[in-house]
């Protein structure tokens, strides 16, 4: 019988916690790999095959977001054994979405993944809608952003629940996130959306545009 894994403090670690820790480790490792691969702005056949193989070697992580999305797209692109120009462009865009790295209108480099965002972005209605903010915002402090929501009849909550209408991801990301480019609130929001909960995950820019 396999022994129960122990934490560095000698305490038993549940399977759920162990999987979460492994997924966090894998996400941060993949972020580093993707940034290295995309340093030249391109993705060649060998690099794409390496990413797919890396994902295949992590069966427990590949069953959850965002690894399941990445795995399926890479597997589809390489199914015929050839990466054409259109497939390369799509996968480069996918990896860029995963690692963040865009530029905001304020000239700040984004650190947040855009992979979980709803496409197309939904209309934002404030009246009686529950918002949850995650990450750091170029638009202002967390308190200032929450005040903008309340001033328009919305409700700001600190956690993501089935009642959350909008999860807004700050462009600047956060050093407090469990993973380099996304955190637990985003993971929970994606999981709820996958279960059919009508939660919209939107970017700070889309949210800020609605303020106007």
N, C-alpha and C. Protein backbone atom coordinates (compact mmCIF):
# COMPACT_ATOMS: atom_id res chain seq x y z
N UNK A 1 0.85 -1.19 0.00
CA UNK A 1 0.00 0.00 0.00
C UNK A 1 0.89 1.25 0.00
N UNK A 2 0.55 2.20 -0.88
CA UNK A 2 1.36 3.42 -0.99
C UNK A 2 1.20 4.25 0.27
N UNK A 3 2.30 4.82 0.73
CA UNK A 3 2.25 5.64 1.93
C UNK A 3 1.70 7.02 1.59
N UNK A 4 1.11 7.68 2.57
CA UNK A 4 0.57 9.02 2.39
C UNK A 4 1.71 10.01 2.33
N UNK A 5 1.76 10.88 1.29
CA UNK A 5 2.84 11.86 1.20
C UNK A 5 2.79 12.82 2.37
N UNK A 6 3.97 13.29 2.77
CA UNK A 6 4.06 14.20 3.90
C UNK A 6 4.57 15.56 3.46
N UNK A 7 4.14 16.60 4.17
CA UNK A 7 4.62 17.94 3.91
C UNK A 7 6.01 18.09 4.50
N UNK A 8 6.74 19.20 4.19
CA UNK A 8 8.06 19.40 4.79
C UNK A 8 8.02 19.43 6.32
N UNK A 9 6.83 19.71 6.88
CA UNK A 9 6.67 19.72 8.33
C UNK A 9 6.29 18.35 8.88
N UNK A 10 6.22 17.34 8.00
CA UNK A 10 5.91 15.99 8.45
C UNK A 10 4.43 15.70 8.58
N UNK A 11 3.57 16.59 8.06
CA UNK A 11 2.13 16.39 8.15
C UNK A 11 1.61 15.71 6.88
N UNK A 12 0.55 14.88 7.01
CA UNK A 12 -0.02 14.21 5.83
C UNK A 12 -0.58 15.23 4.84
N UNK A 13 -0.39 14.96 3.57
CA UNK A 13 -0.89 15.82 2.50
C UNK A 13 -1.99 15.09 1.76
N UNK A 14 -3.18 15.67 1.68
CA UNK A 14 -4.28 15.04 0.98
C UNK A 14 -3.99 15.00 -0.52
N UNK A 15 -4.67 14.10 -1.23
CA UNK A 15 -4.47 13.99 -2.67
C UNK A 15 -4.88 15.29 -3.37
N UNK A 16 -5.98 15.90 -2.93
CA UNK A 16 -6.44 17.13 -3.55
C UNK A 16 -5.40 18.24 -3.40
N UNK A 17 -4.83 18.35 -2.21
CA UNK A 17 -3.81 19.37 -1.99
C UNK A 17 -2.56 19.06 -2.78
N UNK A 18 -2.21 17.78 -2.86
CA UNK A 18 -1.03 17.38 -3.62
C UNK A 18 -1.20 17.72 -5.10
N UNK A 19 -2.41 17.47 -5.66
CA UNK A 19 -2.68 17.78 -7.06
C UNK A 19 -2.61 19.28 -7.31
N UNK A 20 -3.14 20.06 -6.36
CA UNK A 20 -3.12 21.51 -6.51
C UNK A 20 -1.68 22.03 -6.51
N UNK A 21 -0.86 21.47 -5.62
CA UNK A 21 0.54 21.89 -5.57
C UNK A 21 1.28 21.51 -6.84
N UNK A 22 1.00 20.31 -7.35
CA UNK A 22 1.65 19.87 -8.59
C UNK A 22 1.24 20.76 -9.76
N UNK A 23 -0.06 21.12 -9.82
CA UNK A 23 -0.54 21.96 -10.90
C UNK A 23 0.10 23.34 -10.83
N UNK A 24 0.27 23.87 -9.62
CA UNK A 24 0.93 25.16 -9.46
C UNK A 24 2.37 25.10 -9.92
N UNK A 25 3.06 24.04 -9.52
CA UNK A 25 4.46 23.86 -9.95
C UNK A 25 4.55 23.76 -11.46
N UNK A 26 3.65 22.96 -12.06
CA UNK A 26 3.68 22.76 -13.50
C UNK A 26 3.35 24.05 -14.25
N UNK A 27 2.39 24.82 -13.72
CA UNK A 27 2.01 26.07 -14.38
C UNK A 27 3.18 27.05 -14.40
N UNK A 28 3.87 27.15 -13.29
CA UNK A 28 5.02 28.07 -13.24
C UNK A 28 6.15 27.59 -14.14
N UNK A 29 6.35 26.27 -14.19
CA UNK A 29 7.40 25.73 -15.07
C UNK A 29 7.05 25.97 -16.53
N UNK A 30 5.78 25.75 -16.89
CA UNK A 30 5.37 25.95 -18.27
C UNK A 30 5.44 27.43 -18.66
N UNK A 31 5.15 28.31 -17.73
CA UNK A 31 5.27 29.75 -18.01
C UNK A 31 6.71 30.09 -18.38
N UNK A 32 7.65 29.56 -17.62
CA UNK A 32 9.06 29.80 -17.92
C UNK A 32 9.46 29.23 -19.27
N UNK A 33 9.00 28.01 -19.56
CA UNK A 33 9.31 27.39 -20.84
C UNK A 33 8.74 28.20 -22.00
N UNK A 34 7.48 28.62 -21.85
CA UNK A 34 6.82 29.36 -22.92
C UNK A 34 7.51 30.70 -23.18
N UNK A 35 7.91 31.37 -22.12
CA UNK A 35 8.60 32.65 -22.30
C UNK A 35 9.93 32.47 -23.01
N UNK A 36 10.62 31.37 -22.69
CA UNK A 36 11.87 31.09 -23.36
C UNK A 36 11.66 30.78 -24.84
N UNK A 37 10.66 29.96 -25.12
CA UNK A 37 10.37 29.57 -26.50
C UNK A 37 9.96 30.77 -27.35
N UNK A 38 9.17 31.67 -26.74
CA UNK A 38 8.64 32.81 -27.50
C UNK A 38 9.57 34.02 -27.50
N UNK A 39 10.77 33.86 -26.98
CA UNK A 39 11.72 34.99 -26.93
C UNK A 39 11.99 35.55 -28.32
N UNK A 40 11.94 34.68 -29.33
CA UNK A 40 12.18 35.15 -30.70
C UNK A 40 10.87 35.41 -31.45
N UNK A 41 9.74 35.29 -30.76
CA UNK A 41 8.44 35.58 -31.37
C UNK A 41 7.93 34.50 -32.29
N UNK A 42 8.55 33.32 -32.26
CA UNK A 42 8.15 32.25 -33.18
C UNK A 42 8.09 30.91 -32.44
N UNK A 43 7.50 29.92 -33.10
CA UNK A 43 7.39 28.57 -32.56
C UNK A 43 7.63 27.59 -33.70
N UNK A 44 8.71 26.82 -33.62
CA UNK A 44 8.98 25.88 -34.70
C UNK A 44 8.44 24.48 -34.36
N UNK A 45 8.57 23.58 -35.31
CA UNK A 45 8.03 22.23 -35.16
C UNK A 45 8.59 21.53 -33.92
N UNK A 46 9.90 21.57 -33.73
CA UNK A 46 10.51 20.88 -32.59
C UNK A 46 10.05 21.47 -31.26
N UNK A 47 9.89 22.77 -31.22
CA UNK A 47 9.44 23.42 -29.98
C UNK A 47 8.00 23.04 -29.67
N UNK A 48 7.15 22.99 -30.70
CA UNK A 48 5.75 22.61 -30.50
C UNK A 48 5.66 21.16 -30.02
N UNK A 49 6.47 20.29 -30.61
CA UNK A 49 6.47 18.89 -30.21
C UNK A 49 6.98 18.74 -28.77
N UNK A 50 7.94 19.58 -28.38
CA UNK A 50 8.46 19.55 -27.02
C UNK A 50 7.37 19.93 -26.02
N UNK A 51 6.61 21.00 -26.33
CA UNK A 51 5.53 21.43 -25.43
C UNK A 51 4.49 20.34 -25.29
N UNK A 52 4.10 19.73 -26.41
CA UNK A 52 3.11 18.66 -26.36
C UNK A 52 3.61 17.49 -25.53
N UNK A 53 4.86 17.11 -25.73
CA UNK A 53 5.44 16.00 -24.96
C UNK A 53 5.50 16.35 -23.47
N UNK A 54 5.85 17.59 -23.17
CA UNK A 54 5.89 18.06 -21.77
C UNK A 54 4.52 17.91 -21.13
N UNK A 55 3.48 18.27 -21.86
CA UNK A 55 2.12 18.15 -21.34
C UNK A 55 1.72 16.69 -21.16
N UNK A 56 2.07 15.85 -22.13
CA UNK A 56 1.73 14.43 -22.06
C UNK A 56 2.37 13.75 -20.86
N UNK A 57 3.51 14.24 -20.44
CA UNK A 57 4.22 13.64 -19.31
C UNK A 57 3.65 14.04 -17.96
N UNK A 58 2.59 14.86 -17.98
CA UNK A 58 1.95 15.32 -16.74
C UNK A 58 0.45 15.03 -16.81
N UNK A 59 0.07 13.75 -16.81
CA UNK A 59 -1.34 13.36 -17.00
C UNK A 59 -2.28 13.91 -15.94
N UNK A 60 -1.82 14.08 -14.71
CA UNK A 60 -2.73 14.60 -13.69
C UNK A 60 -3.02 16.08 -13.91
N UNK A 61 -2.03 16.84 -14.30
CA UNK A 61 -2.25 18.27 -14.55
C UNK A 61 -3.01 18.49 -15.85
N UNK A 62 -2.77 17.65 -16.84
CA UNK A 62 -3.35 17.90 -18.16
C UNK A 62 -4.87 17.71 -18.16
N UNK A 63 -5.41 17.18 -17.08
CA UNK A 63 -6.85 17.02 -16.99
C UNK A 63 -7.58 18.26 -16.48
N UNK A 64 -6.83 19.31 -16.09
CA UNK A 64 -7.45 20.51 -15.54
C UNK A 64 -7.02 21.74 -16.33
N UNK A 65 -7.80 22.81 -16.19
CA UNK A 65 -7.47 24.07 -16.84
C UNK A 65 -6.23 24.66 -16.18
N UNK A 66 -5.32 25.30 -16.93
CA UNK A 66 -5.37 25.57 -18.37
C UNK A 66 -4.68 24.51 -19.22
N UNK A 67 -4.15 23.49 -18.56
CA UNK A 67 -3.38 22.48 -19.29
C UNK A 67 -4.24 21.71 -20.31
N UNK A 68 -5.52 21.48 -19.97
CA UNK A 68 -6.38 20.75 -20.90
C UNK A 68 -6.58 21.54 -22.19
N UNK A 69 -6.70 22.86 -22.08
CA UNK A 69 -6.87 23.69 -23.27
C UNK A 69 -5.60 23.66 -24.12
N UNK A 70 -4.47 23.84 -23.48
CA UNK A 70 -3.19 23.84 -24.20
C UNK A 70 -2.93 22.49 -24.86
N UNK A 71 -3.17 21.42 -24.10
CA UNK A 71 -2.92 20.08 -24.64
C UNK A 71 -3.76 19.81 -25.88
N UNK A 72 -5.05 20.12 -25.82
CA UNK A 72 -5.93 19.83 -26.95
C UNK A 72 -5.52 20.61 -28.19
N UNK A 73 -5.18 21.87 -28.01
CA UNK A 73 -4.82 22.71 -29.16
C UNK A 73 -3.49 22.27 -29.78
N UNK A 74 -2.52 21.92 -28.94
CA UNK A 74 -1.24 21.45 -29.48
C UNK A 74 -1.40 20.08 -30.15
N UNK A 75 -2.19 19.21 -29.53
CA UNK A 75 -2.42 17.88 -30.11
C UNK A 75 -3.12 17.99 -31.47
N UNK A 76 -4.10 18.87 -31.56
CA UNK A 76 -4.81 19.05 -32.83
C UNK A 76 -3.88 19.59 -33.91
N UNK A 77 -3.04 20.55 -33.55
CA UNK A 77 -2.14 21.17 -34.53
C UNK A 77 -1.10 20.18 -35.04
N UNK A 78 -0.68 19.25 -34.19
CA UNK A 78 0.38 18.31 -34.56
C UNK A 78 -0.15 16.93 -34.95
N UNK A 79 -1.45 16.82 -35.09
CA UNK A 79 -2.05 15.52 -35.38
C UNK A 79 -1.52 14.91 -36.67
N UNK A 80 -1.28 15.76 -37.69
CA UNK A 80 -0.79 15.26 -38.98
C UNK A 80 0.74 15.25 -39.04
N UNK A 81 1.38 15.58 -37.92
CA UNK A 81 2.84 15.54 -37.88
C UNK A 81 3.52 16.72 -38.52
N UNK A 82 2.75 17.75 -38.87
CA UNK A 82 3.33 18.92 -39.52
C UNK A 82 2.70 20.18 -38.95
N UNK A 83 3.52 21.15 -38.59
CA UNK A 83 3.05 22.43 -38.08
C UNK A 83 3.14 23.46 -39.19
N UNK A 84 1.98 23.85 -39.74
CA UNK A 84 2.01 24.83 -40.82
C UNK A 84 1.98 26.25 -40.24
N UNK A 85 2.04 27.22 -41.12
CA UNK A 85 2.16 28.63 -40.69
C UNK A 85 0.94 29.09 -39.89
N UNK A 86 -0.25 28.67 -40.32
CA UNK A 86 -1.47 29.06 -39.61
C UNK A 86 -1.51 28.44 -38.22
N UNK A 87 -1.11 27.17 -38.13
CA UNK A 87 -1.09 26.49 -36.83
C UNK A 87 -0.05 27.12 -35.91
N UNK A 88 1.09 27.49 -36.47
CA UNK A 88 2.12 28.14 -35.66
C UNK A 88 1.59 29.45 -35.10
N UNK A 89 0.93 30.24 -35.93
CA UNK A 89 0.38 31.52 -35.50
C UNK A 89 -0.63 31.32 -34.37
N UNK A 90 -1.47 30.31 -34.52
CA UNK A 90 -2.49 30.04 -33.51
C UNK A 90 -1.86 29.64 -32.18
N UNK A 91 -0.85 28.77 -32.24
CA UNK A 91 -0.21 28.29 -31.01
C UNK A 91 0.62 29.38 -30.34
N UNK A 92 1.26 30.23 -31.15
CA UNK A 92 1.99 31.37 -30.58
C UNK A 92 1.01 32.27 -29.83
N UNK A 93 -0.14 32.53 -30.44
CA UNK A 93 -1.15 33.35 -29.79
C UNK A 93 -1.66 32.71 -28.52
N UNK A 94 -1.83 31.39 -28.55
CA UNK A 94 -2.31 30.66 -27.38
C UNK A 94 -1.32 30.77 -26.23
N UNK A 95 -0.03 30.57 -26.52
CA UNK A 95 0.98 30.68 -25.48
C UNK A 95 1.10 32.10 -24.96
N UNK A 96 0.96 33.09 -25.85
CA UNK A 96 1.00 34.48 -25.41
C UNK A 96 -0.18 34.78 -24.49
N UNK A 97 -1.35 34.22 -24.82
CA UNK A 97 -2.51 34.38 -23.94
C UNK A 97 -2.23 33.77 -22.57
N UNK A 98 -1.55 32.63 -22.57
CA UNK A 98 -1.26 31.93 -21.32
C UNK A 98 -0.31 32.71 -20.44
N UNK A 99 0.75 33.27 -21.02
CA UNK A 99 1.77 33.92 -20.21
C UNK A 99 1.55 35.41 -20.01
N UNK A 100 0.54 36.00 -20.69
CA UNK A 100 0.38 37.45 -20.61
C UNK A 100 1.48 38.12 -21.42
N UNK A 101 1.74 39.38 -21.13
CA UNK A 101 2.83 40.05 -21.83
C UNK A 101 2.40 41.11 -22.81
N UNK A 102 1.08 41.42 -22.84
CA UNK A 102 0.63 42.51 -23.69
C UNK A 102 0.94 43.86 -23.05
N UNK A 103 0.60 44.93 -23.74
CA UNK A 103 0.85 46.28 -23.24
C UNK A 103 -0.48 47.00 -23.06
N UNK A 104 -0.71 47.58 -21.91
CA UNK A 104 -1.93 48.32 -21.65
C UNK A 104 -1.85 49.70 -22.29
N UNK A 105 -3.01 50.39 -22.31
CA UNK A 105 -3.02 51.74 -22.87
C UNK A 105 -2.14 52.68 -22.05
N UNK A 106 -1.93 52.33 -20.77
CA UNK A 106 -1.08 53.16 -19.92
C UNK A 106 0.40 52.83 -20.09
N UNK A 107 0.72 51.89 -21.01
CA UNK A 107 2.11 51.53 -21.26
C UNK A 107 2.67 50.53 -20.28
N UNK A 108 1.80 49.88 -19.49
CA UNK A 108 2.25 48.91 -18.50
C UNK A 108 2.20 47.50 -19.11
N UNK A 109 3.26 46.74 -18.94
CA UNK A 109 3.28 45.36 -19.42
C UNK A 109 2.36 44.51 -18.56
N UNK A 110 1.45 43.79 -19.20
CA UNK A 110 0.52 42.95 -18.45
C UNK A 110 1.22 41.67 -18.00
N UNK A 111 0.84 41.19 -16.82
CA UNK A 111 1.40 39.95 -16.31
C UNK A 111 0.33 38.88 -16.17
N UNK A 112 -0.92 39.23 -16.48
CA UNK A 112 -2.03 38.30 -16.29
C UNK A 112 -2.31 37.52 -17.57
N UNK A 113 -2.63 36.24 -17.40
CA UNK A 113 -3.02 35.42 -18.53
C UNK A 113 -4.36 35.90 -19.08
N UNK A 114 -4.49 35.93 -20.40
CA UNK A 114 -5.77 36.27 -21.01
C UNK A 114 -6.51 35.01 -21.46
N UNK A 115 -5.93 33.86 -21.20
CA UNK A 115 -6.53 32.59 -21.64
C UNK A 115 -7.93 32.37 -21.06
N UNK A 116 -8.20 32.74 -19.79
CA UNK A 116 -9.53 32.45 -19.24
C UNK A 116 -10.63 33.42 -19.66
N UNK A 117 -10.29 34.48 -20.37
CA UNK A 117 -11.29 35.50 -20.68
C UNK A 117 -12.39 34.96 -21.60
N UNK A 118 -13.61 35.43 -21.38
CA UNK A 118 -14.74 35.05 -22.23
C UNK A 118 -14.54 35.65 -23.62
N UNK A 119 -14.77 34.85 -24.63
CA UNK A 119 -14.68 35.30 -26.01
C UNK A 119 -15.96 34.92 -26.76
N UNK A 120 -16.70 35.91 -27.29
CA UNK A 120 -16.43 37.34 -27.21
C UNK A 120 -16.74 37.88 -25.82
N UNK A 121 -16.17 39.02 -25.50
CA UNK A 121 -16.39 39.63 -24.19
C UNK A 121 -17.86 40.05 -24.08
N UNK A 122 -18.51 39.76 -22.96
CA UNK A 122 -19.94 40.08 -22.80
C UNK A 122 -20.16 41.55 -22.45
N UNK A 123 -21.39 42.00 -22.64
CA UNK A 123 -21.76 43.33 -22.17
C UNK A 123 -21.68 43.35 -20.65
N UNK A 124 -21.28 44.49 -20.09
CA UNK A 124 -21.16 44.61 -18.64
C UNK A 124 -22.30 45.45 -18.11
N UNK A 125 -23.11 44.86 -17.23
CA UNK A 125 -24.22 45.56 -16.59
C UNK A 125 -23.95 45.63 -15.09
N UNK A 126 -24.00 46.80 -14.54
CA UNK A 126 -23.61 46.99 -13.15
C UNK A 126 -24.73 46.80 -12.14
N UNK A 127 -25.94 47.22 -12.46
CA UNK A 127 -27.03 47.25 -11.50
C UNK A 127 -27.28 45.88 -10.87
N UNK A 128 -27.06 45.79 -9.55
CA UNK A 128 -27.31 44.58 -8.74
C UNK A 128 -26.40 43.40 -9.11
N UNK A 129 -25.42 43.61 -9.98
CA UNK A 129 -24.51 42.53 -10.38
C UNK A 129 -23.36 42.41 -9.38
N UNK A 130 -22.97 41.16 -9.09
CA UNK A 130 -21.86 40.92 -8.15
C UNK A 130 -20.55 40.80 -8.93
N UNK A 131 -19.59 41.61 -8.54
CA UNK A 131 -18.26 41.63 -9.17
C UNK A 131 -17.23 41.10 -8.18
N UNK A 132 -16.22 40.43 -8.71
CA UNK A 132 -15.06 40.04 -7.91
C UNK A 132 -13.83 40.46 -8.70
N UNK A 133 -12.92 41.16 -8.04
CA UNK A 133 -11.70 41.64 -8.68
C UNK A 133 -10.52 40.77 -8.25
N UNK A 134 -9.62 40.48 -9.20
CA UNK A 134 -8.41 39.73 -8.86
C UNK A 134 -7.22 40.34 -9.57
N UNK A 135 -6.09 40.35 -8.91
CA UNK A 135 -4.89 40.94 -9.48
C UNK A 135 -4.80 42.42 -9.16
N UNK A 136 -3.77 43.07 -9.69
CA UNK A 136 -3.56 44.50 -9.51
C UNK A 136 -4.07 45.24 -10.75
N UNK A 137 -4.64 46.41 -10.53
CA UNK A 137 -5.29 47.14 -11.61
C UNK A 137 -4.51 48.40 -11.99
N UNK A 138 -4.34 48.59 -13.30
CA UNK A 138 -3.72 49.82 -13.78
C UNK A 138 -4.67 51.00 -13.62
N UNK A 139 -5.98 50.72 -13.49
CA UNK A 139 -7.00 51.77 -13.40
C UNK A 139 -7.01 52.48 -12.06
N UNK A 140 -6.44 51.86 -11.04
CA UNK A 140 -6.44 52.45 -9.71
C UNK A 140 -6.25 51.39 -8.65
N UNK A 141 -6.37 51.81 -7.39
CA UNK A 141 -6.24 50.85 -6.30
C UNK A 141 -7.46 49.95 -6.27
N UNK A 142 -7.37 48.85 -5.52
CA UNK A 142 -8.51 47.94 -5.40
C UNK A 142 -9.73 48.70 -4.84
N UNK A 143 -9.51 49.52 -3.82
CA UNK A 143 -10.62 50.27 -3.22
C UNK A 143 -11.26 51.22 -4.23
N UNK A 144 -10.43 51.90 -5.01
CA UNK A 144 -10.97 52.83 -6.02
C UNK A 144 -11.80 52.09 -7.06
N UNK A 145 -11.33 50.93 -7.48
CA UNK A 145 -12.07 50.14 -8.48
C UNK A 145 -13.39 49.62 -7.90
N UNK A 146 -13.37 49.22 -6.65
CA UNK A 146 -14.59 48.76 -6.00
C UNK A 146 -15.60 49.90 -5.87
N UNK A 147 -15.12 51.10 -5.59
CA UNK A 147 -16.00 52.25 -5.47
C UNK A 147 -16.67 52.58 -6.80
N UNK A 148 -15.95 52.37 -7.91
CA UNK A 148 -16.53 52.60 -9.23
C UNK A 148 -17.71 51.64 -9.47
N UNK A 149 -17.56 50.41 -9.00
CA UNK A 149 -18.62 49.41 -9.16
C UNK A 149 -19.84 49.79 -8.33
N UNK A 150 -19.62 50.12 -7.07
CA UNK A 150 -20.71 50.47 -6.16
C UNK A 150 -21.44 51.72 -6.63
N UNK A 151 -20.69 52.69 -7.16
CA UNK A 151 -21.30 53.94 -7.63
C UNK A 151 -22.27 53.71 -8.78
N UNK A 152 -22.13 52.59 -9.47
CA UNK A 152 -23.00 52.28 -10.61
C UNK A 152 -24.07 51.24 -10.26
N UNK A 153 -24.21 50.97 -8.96
CA UNK A 153 -25.26 50.06 -8.52
C UNK A 153 -24.83 48.61 -8.42
N UNK A 154 -23.54 48.35 -8.62
CA UNK A 154 -23.04 46.98 -8.52
C UNK A 154 -22.62 46.63 -7.11
N UNK A 155 -22.22 45.37 -6.92
CA UNK A 155 -21.80 44.86 -5.62
C UNK A 155 -20.42 44.24 -5.78
N UNK A 156 -19.49 44.60 -4.92
CA UNK A 156 -18.13 44.05 -5.00
C UNK A 156 -17.92 43.06 -3.86
N UNK A 157 -17.49 41.86 -4.19
CA UNK A 157 -17.21 40.82 -3.20
C UNK A 157 -15.77 40.36 -3.34
N UNK A 158 -15.21 39.87 -2.25
CA UNK A 158 -13.80 39.48 -2.26
C UNK A 158 -13.57 38.08 -2.81
N UNK A 159 -14.61 37.24 -2.82
CA UNK A 159 -14.45 35.86 -3.27
C UNK A 159 -15.35 35.52 -4.43
N UNK A 160 -15.00 34.44 -5.14
CA UNK A 160 -15.79 33.97 -6.28
C UNK A 160 -16.78 32.90 -5.80
N UNK A 161 -18.06 33.09 -6.11
CA UNK A 161 -19.10 32.12 -5.75
C UNK A 161 -20.00 31.92 -6.96
N UNK A 162 -21.00 31.05 -6.79
CA UNK A 162 -21.96 30.81 -7.87
C UNK A 162 -22.80 32.04 -8.17
N UNK A 163 -22.82 33.01 -7.25
CA UNK A 163 -23.59 34.23 -7.46
C UNK A 163 -22.79 35.31 -8.18
N UNK A 164 -21.49 35.09 -8.35
CA UNK A 164 -20.64 36.09 -9.01
C UNK A 164 -21.04 36.25 -10.46
N UNK A 165 -21.27 37.48 -10.88
CA UNK A 165 -21.66 37.74 -12.28
C UNK A 165 -20.43 38.00 -13.14
N UNK A 166 -19.48 38.77 -12.58
CA UNK A 166 -18.27 39.12 -13.33
C UNK A 166 -17.03 38.92 -12.47
N UNK A 167 -16.05 38.21 -13.00
CA UNK A 167 -14.73 38.13 -12.41
C UNK A 167 -13.81 38.98 -13.29
N UNK A 168 -13.25 40.04 -12.71
CA UNK A 168 -12.45 41.00 -13.48
C UNK A 168 -10.98 40.78 -13.16
N UNK A 169 -10.18 40.55 -14.20
CA UNK A 169 -8.75 40.28 -14.02
C UNK A 169 -7.94 41.55 -14.27
N UNK A 170 -7.23 42.00 -13.25
CA UNK A 170 -6.40 43.19 -13.39
C UNK A 170 -5.27 42.97 -14.38
N UNK A 171 -4.99 44.00 -15.18
CA UNK A 171 -3.97 43.87 -16.23
C UNK A 171 -2.58 43.59 -15.68
N UNK A 172 -2.31 44.06 -14.47
CA UNK A 172 -0.94 43.99 -13.96
C UNK A 172 -0.65 42.66 -13.28
N UNK A 173 -1.67 41.83 -13.08
CA UNK A 173 -1.45 40.55 -12.41
C UNK A 173 -1.21 40.77 -10.92
N UNK A 174 -0.58 39.81 -10.27
CA UNK A 174 -0.33 39.94 -8.84
C UNK A 174 0.79 39.00 -8.41
N UNK A 175 1.66 39.50 -7.56
CA UNK A 175 2.71 38.64 -6.99
C UNK A 175 2.14 37.69 -5.95
N UNK A 176 0.89 37.91 -5.55
CA UNK A 176 0.25 37.04 -4.57
C UNK A 176 -0.43 35.84 -5.20
N UNK A 177 -0.52 35.81 -6.54
CA UNK A 177 -1.17 34.69 -7.20
C UNK A 177 -0.38 33.41 -6.99
N UNK A 178 -1.09 32.28 -6.89
CA UNK A 178 -0.42 30.99 -6.69
C UNK A 178 0.45 30.63 -7.88
N UNK A 179 0.00 31.00 -9.08
CA UNK A 179 0.76 30.74 -10.30
C UNK A 179 1.27 32.07 -10.85
N UNK A 180 2.21 32.00 -11.75
CA UNK A 180 2.84 33.22 -12.23
C UNK A 180 1.87 34.17 -12.90
N UNK A 181 0.91 33.65 -13.69
CA UNK A 181 0.03 34.52 -14.47
C UNK A 181 -1.45 34.38 -14.14
N UNK A 182 -1.78 33.61 -13.13
CA UNK A 182 -3.18 33.52 -12.69
C UNK A 182 -3.23 32.94 -11.29
N UNK A 183 -4.37 33.15 -10.62
CA UNK A 183 -4.50 32.72 -9.23
C UNK A 183 -5.70 31.84 -8.99
N UNK A 184 -5.98 31.57 -7.72
CA UNK A 184 -7.04 30.63 -7.35
C UNK A 184 -8.43 31.14 -7.73
N UNK A 185 -8.64 32.46 -7.65
CA UNK A 185 -9.95 32.98 -8.03
C UNK A 185 -10.24 32.69 -9.51
N UNK A 186 -9.22 32.82 -10.34
CA UNK A 186 -9.38 32.55 -11.76
C UNK A 186 -9.64 31.06 -11.98
N UNK A 187 -8.90 30.21 -11.28
CA UNK A 187 -9.13 28.77 -11.39
C UNK A 187 -10.57 28.43 -11.00
N UNK A 188 -11.05 29.01 -9.90
CA UNK A 188 -12.41 28.72 -9.45
C UNK A 188 -13.44 29.25 -10.44
N UNK A 189 -13.20 30.45 -10.97
CA UNK A 189 -14.11 31.03 -11.94
C UNK A 189 -14.23 30.18 -13.19
N UNK A 190 -13.10 29.69 -13.68
CA UNK A 190 -13.10 28.83 -14.87
C UNK A 190 -13.85 27.52 -14.57
N UNK A 191 -13.63 26.96 -13.38
CA UNK A 191 -14.30 25.71 -13.00
C UNK A 191 -15.81 25.92 -12.91
N UNK A 192 -16.25 27.01 -12.31
CA UNK A 192 -17.68 27.29 -12.20
C UNK A 192 -18.30 27.49 -13.59
N UNK A 193 -17.59 28.21 -14.43
CA UNK A 193 -18.09 28.43 -15.80
C UNK A 193 -18.21 27.10 -16.55
N UNK A 194 -17.24 26.22 -16.33
CA UNK A 194 -17.29 24.90 -16.96
C UNK A 194 -18.46 24.06 -16.47
N UNK A 195 -18.91 24.33 -15.24
CA UNK A 195 -20.06 23.61 -14.68
C UNK A 195 -21.39 24.25 -15.06
N UNK A 196 -21.34 25.27 -15.89
CA UNK A 196 -22.57 25.90 -16.36
C UNK A 196 -23.02 27.12 -15.59
N UNK A 197 -22.23 27.55 -14.61
CA UNK A 197 -22.57 28.76 -13.85
C UNK A 197 -22.34 29.97 -14.77
N UNK A 198 -23.32 30.88 -14.87
CA UNK A 198 -23.19 32.03 -15.78
C UNK A 198 -22.29 33.13 -15.25
N UNK A 199 -21.03 32.82 -15.06
CA UNK A 199 -20.05 33.80 -14.61
C UNK A 199 -19.21 34.25 -15.80
N UNK A 200 -19.05 35.55 -15.94
CA UNK A 200 -18.26 36.09 -17.04
C UNK A 200 -16.88 36.51 -16.52
N UNK A 201 -15.85 36.06 -17.19
CA UNK A 201 -14.47 36.41 -16.82
C UNK A 201 -13.98 37.43 -17.84
N UNK A 202 -13.71 38.62 -17.37
CA UNK A 202 -13.39 39.72 -18.27
C UNK A 202 -12.09 40.42 -17.87
N UNK A 203 -11.52 41.15 -18.81
CA UNK A 203 -10.27 41.87 -18.55
C UNK A 203 -10.55 43.21 -17.90
N UNK A 204 -9.52 43.77 -17.28
CA UNK A 204 -9.65 45.11 -16.72
C UNK A 204 -10.02 46.12 -17.80
N UNK A 205 -9.42 46.00 -18.99
CA UNK A 205 -9.71 46.96 -20.07
C UNK A 205 -11.18 46.92 -20.43
N UNK A 206 -11.76 45.72 -20.58
CA UNK A 206 -13.18 45.62 -20.95
C UNK A 206 -14.05 46.22 -19.85
N UNK A 207 -13.68 45.94 -18.62
CA UNK A 207 -14.43 46.50 -17.47
C UNK A 207 -14.31 48.02 -17.44
N UNK A 208 -13.10 48.53 -17.65
CA UNK A 208 -12.88 49.98 -17.61
C UNK A 208 -13.62 50.68 -18.76
N UNK A 209 -13.68 50.04 -19.93
CA UNK A 209 -14.41 50.62 -21.04
C UNK A 209 -15.90 50.77 -20.69
N UNK A 210 -16.43 49.80 -19.92
CA UNK A 210 -17.84 49.84 -19.52
C UNK A 210 -18.11 50.98 -18.54
N UNK A 211 -17.09 51.40 -17.80
CA UNK A 211 -17.26 52.50 -16.86
C UNK A 211 -17.59 53.80 -17.58
N UNK A 212 -17.14 53.91 -18.81
CA UNK A 212 -17.33 55.12 -19.57
C UNK A 212 -18.71 55.20 -20.19
